[in-house]
Amino acid sequence: MAMEELRRGLSRWKRYHIKVHLADEALLLPLTVRPCDTLSDLRAQLVGQGVSSWRRTFYYNSRPLPDHQTVREARLQDGSVLLLLSDTR
């Protein structure tokens, strides 16, 4: 039990350096994320960099990722690349 608490405590400090590939603009943007960050948090970081993610979906390994999902749940690792594609609906 104590080991699990320690692991959870350390994950608060853990950081992953990932990239977001914006297919429409042919851009690759670096982001620093934590395991507990959600995809919505990543969207907010992109907005902070002047990139709108409105009506776009994140994909990882060909899977669409819902906004409520965390970095940990999406199984992102240090060096992962997310694809951000416009919704075609």
C-alpha atoms as a PDB file:
ATOM      1  CA  MET A   1       0.000   0.000   0.000  1.00  0.00           C
ATOM      2  CA  ALA A   2       2.747   2.486   0.905  1.00  0.00           C
ATOM      3  CA  MET A   3       4.542   1.768  -2.384  1.00  0.00           C
ATOM      4  CA  GLU A   4       1.395   2.560  -4.386  1.00  0.00           C
ATOM      5  CA  GLU A   5       0.957   5.850  -2.490  1.00  0.00           C
ATOM      6  CA  LEU A   6       4.581   6.731  -3.218  1.00  0.00           C
ATOM      7  CA  ARG A   7       4.136   5.881  -6.908  1.00  0.00           C
ATOM      8  CA  ARG A   8       1.024   8.061  -7.106  1.00  0.00           C
ATOM      9  CA  GLY A   9       2.810  10.899  -5.328  1.00  0.00           C
ATOM     10  CA  LEU A  10       5.747  10.730  -7.714  1.00  0.00           C
ATOM     11  CA  SER A  11       3.502  10.729 -10.783  1.00  0.00           C
ATOM     12  CA  ARG A  12       2.430  14.234  -9.784  1.00  0.00           C
ATOM     13  CA  TRP A  13       5.983  15.371 -10.531  1.00  0.00           C
ATOM     14  CA  LYS A  14       6.532  13.199 -13.598  1.00  0.00           C
ATOM     15  CA  ARG A  15       6.651  15.011 -16.929  1.00  0.00           C
ATOM     16  CA  TYR A  16       6.465  13.679 -20.466  1.00  0.00           C
ATOM     17  CA  HIS A  17       7.687  15.555 -23.498  1.00  0.00           C
ATOM     18  CA  ILE A  18       5.312  14.752 -26.324  1.00  0.00           C
ATOM     19  CA  LYS A  19       4.580  16.272 -29.706  1.00  0.00           C
ATOM     20  CA  VAL A  20       1.304  17.160 -31.383  1.00  0.00           C
ATOM     21  CA  HIS A  21       1.241  16.824 -35.161  1.00  0.00           C
ATOM     22  CA  LEU A  22      -1.170  19.317 -36.694  1.00  0.00           C
ATOM     23  CA  ALA A  23      -1.825  17.637 -40.021  1.00  0.00           C
ATOM     24  CA  ASP A  24      -3.694  20.598 -41.557  1.00  0.00           C
ATOM     25  CA  GLU A  25      -0.829  23.024 -40.945  1.00  0.00           C
ATOM     26  CA  ALA A  26       2.036  20.495 -41.286  1.00  0.00           C
ATOM     27  CA  LEU A  27       3.293  21.524 -37.819  1.00  0.00           C
ATOM     28  CA  LEU A  28       4.810  19.475 -35.024  1.00  0.00           C
ATOM     29  CA  LEU A  29       4.419  21.226 -31.654  1.00  0.00           C
ATOM     30  CA  PRO A  30       6.177  20.114 -28.458  1.00  0.00           C
ATOM     31  CA  LEU A  31       4.161  19.898 -25.228  1.00  0.00           C
ATOM     32  CA  THR A  32       5.131  18.984 -21.684  1.00  0.00           C
ATOM     33  CA  VAL A  33       2.408  16.985 -19.935  1.00  0.00           C
ATOM     34  CA  ARG A  34       1.804  15.109 -16.682  1.00  0.00           C
ATOM     35  CA  PRO A  35       0.201  11.655 -16.409  1.00  0.00           C
ATOM     36  CA  CYS A  36      -2.875  13.183 -14.727  1.00  0.00           C
ATOM     37  CA  ASP A  37      -3.439  15.821 -17.457  1.00  0.00           C
ATOM     38  CA  THR A  38      -6.518  15.284 -19.614  1.00  0.00           C
ATOM     39  CA  LEU A  39      -6.751  15.798 -23.352  1.00  0.00           C
ATOM     40  CA  SER A  40      -8.721  18.965 -22.504  1.00  0.00           C
ATOM     41  CA  ASP A  41      -5.623  20.199 -20.639  1.00  0.00           C
ATOM     42  CA  LEU A  42      -3.567  19.555 -23.772  1.00  0.00           C
ATOM     43  CA  ARG A  43      -6.077  21.580 -25.787  1.00  0.00           C
ATOM     44  CA  ALA A  44      -5.652  24.456 -23.322  1.00  0.00           C
ATOM     45  CA  GLN A  45      -1.864  24.290 -23.750  1.00  0.00           C
ATOM     46  CA  LEU A  46      -2.298  24.486 -27.527  1.00  0.00           C
ATOM     47  CA  VAL A  47      -4.577  27.524 -27.196  1.00  0.00           C
ATOM     48  CA  GLY A  48      -1.835  29.092 -25.060  1.00  0.00           C
ATOM     49  CA  GLN A  49       0.489  28.600 -28.035  1.00  0.00           C
ATOM     50  CA  GLY A  50      -2.047  30.228 -30.362  1.00  0.00           C
ATOM     51  CA  VAL A  51      -3.374  26.985 -31.874  1.00  0.00           C
ATOM     52  CA  SER A  52      -7.106  26.346 -31.983  1.00  0.00           C
ATOM     53  CA  SER A  53      -8.147  22.734 -31.530  1.00  0.00           C
ATOM     54  CA  TRP A  54     -11.829  23.535 -32.083  1.00  0.00           C
ATOM     55  CA  ARG A  55     -13.597  20.800 -34.075  1.00  0.00           C
ATOM     56  CA  ARG A  56     -10.475  18.658 -34.092  1.00  0.00           C
ATOM     57  CA  THR A  57      -9.847  15.233 -32.598  1.00  0.00           C
ATOM     58  CA  PHE A  58      -6.675  13.854 -31.016  1.00  0.00           C
ATOM     59  CA  TYR A  59      -5.517  10.447 -32.279  1.00  0.00           C
ATOM     60  CA  TYR A  60      -2.871   8.134 -30.861  1.00  0.00           C
ATOM     61  CA  ASN A  61      -1.987   4.849 -32.584  1.00  0.00           C
ATOM     62  CA  SER A  62      -4.980   5.355 -34.922  1.00  0.00           C
ATOM     63  CA  ARG A  63      -7.381   5.618 -31.938  1.00  0.00           C
ATOM     64  CA  PRO A  64      -9.466   8.756 -31.332  1.00  0.00           C
ATOM     65  CA  LEU A  65      -8.954  10.042 -27.773  1.00  0.00           C
ATOM     66  CA  PRO A  66     -11.863  11.542 -25.794  1.00  0.00           C
ATOM     67  CA  ASP A  67     -11.214  14.881 -24.053  1.00  0.00           C
ATOM     68  CA  HIS A  68     -11.876  13.492 -20.554  1.00  0.00           C
ATOM     69  CA  GLN A  69      -9.175  10.826 -20.921  1.00  0.00           C
ATOM     70  CA  THR A  70      -5.903  11.371 -19.067  1.00  0.00           C
ATOM     71  CA  VAL A  71      -2.400  11.043 -20.483  1.00  0.00           C
ATOM     72  CA  ARG A  72      -1.980   7.912 -18.335  1.00  0.00           C
ATOM     73  CA  GLU A  73      -5.257   6.362 -19.573  1.00  0.00           C
ATOM     74  CA  ALA A  74      -4.285   7.085 -23.181  1.00  0.00           C
ATOM     75  CA  ARG A  75      -0.968   5.288 -22.476  1.00  0.00           C
ATOM     76  CA  LEU A  76       1.126   8.188 -23.730  1.00  0.00           C
ATOM     77  CA  GLN A  77       4.844   7.936 -23.033  1.00  0.00           C
ATOM     78  CA  ASP A  78       7.764  10.324 -23.180  1.00  0.00           C
ATOM     79  CA  GLY A  79       8.315  11.019 -26.892  1.00  0.00           C
ATOM     80  CA  SER A  80       4.776  10.082 -28.005  1.00  0.00           C
ATOM     81  CA  VAL A  81       3.317  11.896 -31.004  1.00  0.00           C
ATOM     82  CA  LEU A  82      -0.390  12.751 -31.112  1.00  0.00           C
ATOM     83  CA  LEU A  83      -2.169  13.536 -34.345  1.00  0.00           C
ATOM     84  CA  LEU A  84      -4.698  16.379 -34.288  1.00  0.00           C
ATOM     85  CA  LEU A  85      -7.115  16.113 -37.219  1.00  0.00           C
ATOM     86  CA  SER A  86     -10.063  18.264 -38.250  1.00  0.00           C
ATOM     87  CA  ASP A  87     -13.435  16.613 -37.777  1.00  0.00           C
ATOM     88  CA  THR A  88     -14.988  15.930 -41.167  1.00  0.00           C
ATOM     89  CA  ARG A  89     -18.580  16.006 -39.948  1.00  0.00           C
END
